Each structure stands twice: as C-alpha cells, then as structure tokens.
C-alpha cells in the first residue's frame, strides 16, 4: 500500500479553510467550512496528484518545524499521513 505523508497549511478565511502544501505551492484546494472538510479535500487533491503524476513524491522529507515560523497567525500547520489505496477505494467511485 502507498502511504502519503505531507505537510499542509490550513488558512482560516471567512467562510472556511483554504489549504495548501508549502512544499508544492501550485497544489492547493479551497478546503471547506470545517477543518475536517479541509483535510478531506487536501487528501483528495493529493490522491489526484499521485494518480496523474506517478513521479509525485508520496512522503516529504520536511517537518512542521521547517515551515512553522513562516506562516501567519491565522494559519495552522499539520502533518497528514494516510493510505492512498484505502482513501481512493473508500471515496472514489
């Protein structure tokens, strides 16, 4: 099974959360009204990247400490780790 492990930044906006990957600034999603929705959306976006780009690095070598001093106070940062195969099987129909 493929494991995806990436650092993500959640930025609070008026209507919810905007989510991006600091290591890959061109990969982002609108997230959703809650943190849980935003986590789901970025996982889905990462699975799309892996599906379309077989060379996409599944596991980052960066840590939260590499980015935590460069984000605004309205943001929070976390590491997400999940099984690509299980997510796709459960959510992609």
Protein backbone atom coordinates (compact mmCIF):
# COMPACT_ATOMS: atom_id res chain seq x y z
CA UNK A 1 0.00 0.00 0.00
CA UNK A 2 1.11 3.54 -0.74
CA UNK A 3 1.42 5.92 2.18
CA UNK A 4 1.13 9.64 1.59
CA UNK A 5 2.76 11.87 4.20
CA UNK A 6 2.87 15.63 3.58
CA UNK A 7 2.93 18.90 5.50
CA UNK A 8 -0.19 21.02 4.96
CA UNK A 9 -1.15 24.54 5.99
CA UNK A 10 -4.74 25.50 6.77
CA UNK A 11 -5.60 29.17 6.49
CA UNK A 12 -8.80 30.35 8.16
CA UNK A 13 -10.97 32.51 5.95
CA UNK A 14 -14.43 33.99 6.44
CA UNK A 15 -16.32 31.00 5.04
CA UNK A 16 -13.98 28.20 6.00
CA UNK A 17 -10.48 27.00 5.29
CA UNK A 18 -8.08 27.32 2.38
CA UNK A 19 -5.49 24.52 2.29
CA UNK A 20 -2.09 24.37 0.61
CA UNK A 21 1.16 22.44 0.62
CA UNK A 22 4.12 24.74 1.36
CA UNK A 23 6.49 22.38 -0.43
CA UNK A 24 4.32 22.47 -3.59
CA UNK A 25 2.74 25.94 -3.84
CA UNK A 26 0.90 25.08 -7.05
CA UNK A 27 -1.10 22.38 -5.21
CA UNK A 28 -3.94 23.85 -3.18
CA UNK A 29 -7.65 23.49 -2.57
CA UNK A 30 -10.46 25.62 -1.29
CA UNK A 31 -10.84 23.23 1.62
CA UNK A 32 -14.22 23.62 3.23
CA UNK A 33 -16.25 25.11 6.04
CA UNK A 34 -14.62 22.92 8.70
CA UNK A 35 -11.15 21.56 9.41
CA UNK A 36 -12.42 18.04 8.73
CA UNK A 37 -13.75 19.07 5.30
CA UNK A 38 -10.47 20.80 4.53
CA UNK A 39 -8.47 17.69 5.50
CA UNK A 40 -10.65 15.56 3.24
CA UNK A 41 -10.23 17.97 0.32
CA UNK A 42 -6.43 18.10 0.55
CA UNK A 43 -6.25 14.30 0.81
CA UNK A 44 -8.39 14.07 -2.32
CA UNK A 45 -6.17 16.62 -4.08
CA UNK A 46 -3.02 14.68 -3.11
CA UNK A 47 -4.53 11.45 -4.42
CA UNK A 48 -5.23 13.21 -7.73
CA UNK A 49 -1.61 14.32 -7.93
CA UNK A 50 -0.38 10.78 -7.28
CA UNK A 51 -2.83 9.35 -9.82
CA UNK A 52 -1.83 11.76 -12.61
CA UNK A 53 1.85 12.15 -11.76
CA UNK A 54 3.49 8.83 -10.98
CA UNK A 55 6.69 10.67 -10.00
CA UNK A 56 5.00 12.76 -7.32
CA UNK A 57 6.86 12.20 -4.02
CA UNK A 58 4.50 10.44 -1.65
CA UNK A 59 6.47 11.16 1.52
CA UNK A 60 8.03 14.51 2.30
CA UNK A 61 11.39 14.84 3.97
CA UNK A 62 10.31 18.16 5.50
CA UNK A 63 8.93 18.64 9.01
CA UNK A 64 6.50 21.07 10.57
CA UNK A 65 9.47 22.91 12.08
CA UNK A 66 10.69 23.75 8.56
CA UNK A 67 7.59 25.88 7.99
CA UNK A 68 6.07 26.91 11.31
CA UNK A 69 7.97 30.22 11.52
CA UNK A 70 6.87 31.25 8.02
CA UNK A 71 3.09 31.08 8.41
CA UNK A 72 0.73 33.76 9.65
CA UNK A 73 -1.08 33.66 12.96
CA UNK A 74 -4.37 32.88 11.18
CA UNK A 75 -2.95 29.59 9.91
CA UNK A 76 -2.23 26.25 11.44
CA UNK A 77 0.09 23.60 10.12
CA UNK A 78 -0.02 19.84 10.46
CA UNK A 79 1.37 16.68 9.01
CA UNK A 80 -1.15 14.44 7.32
CA UNK A 81 -0.44 10.79 6.79
CA UNK A 82 -2.85 8.33 5.17
CA UNK A 83 -3.05 5.31 2.92
CA UNK A 84 -3.60 6.30 -0.71
CA UNK A 85 -5.15 2.93 -1.61
CA UNK A 86 -7.69 2.97 1.22
CA UNK A 87 -8.70 6.59 0.61
CA UNK A 88 -9.21 6.01 -3.12
CA UNK A 89 -11.14 2.77 -2.60
CA UNK A 90 -13.40 4.36 0.01
CA UNK A 91 -14.03 7.76 -1.58
CA UNK A 92 -13.52 7.45 -5.35
CA UNK A 93 -16.36 5.66 -7.05
